[in-house]
Amino acid sequence: MRQETGSNPNSTNKKVSIQVKLGGRSFSVDNFNEHRKAKQIEFIVDTPRVTLAPCEEVSSDTAQEILRLAGKPCRANEQYVCSERQGEMVAIIAIDSEALTAITKQWGSKISFSSPLLDMRHSEESCLIVKISEDVCYLHLFNAGLQRAEALDAATPEDILFHVTEWIGNANIPIYIIGKPEVAKLLRKYYKQVICES
């Protein structure tokens, strides 16, 4: 697990967010010592092993089953964590057990978890959002609210084109691409409204 982003470590009265990749391995907490004084530390876990569910359906009894039904059951070396509520949704994330133990040991009750799958920008539009990190593609389909959301392994621009076509077919709706401009370049060959965002 390595730090991808973080807010000002000298700001002790605010929540610090750190985007991390787990890669199925534990990590050293040494790189995060500068955030020791923060009141809350939010780990934004970049993984395809996440799903969204309505808050009222998620409990300690149901979370693991929801991950399983989404086709992302916890492996032998994983546990689930839940994000804080965002609107009516919560993210359920499969996380490496050793990494979770190390995080909990270092920061205890200060920690919370989140996922890029909870990013609801453009949720009031009818559109498709394609957010691409180094290894994961997050898809959100909106039409007067969230219709569908999924995190998938992102291998190539062609793989992402396949997923986009599967999700929207020939629909003429805006497609927002966040990250990897080469994906936007490919999609523009097939779709008219492809917008690159940072």
Foldseek 3Di string as FASTA:
>chain_A
DDWDDWPDLVPAADEIETEDEQPLHADDCVVVVSNLRHQAYEYAYEDQQKDKDFPVQDDPVCLQVVSVVVVRHADPQWDWFWAPDDPRMIMIGTHGNNNVVVVCVRRNPRYGYHYPQSDCPPQCDQEWEWEDDPFKTWIFGHDRGTDDIGIDTDDDLVVVVVVVCVVQPLDQHAYEYEDDCVNLVVCVVRYPHYHYDD
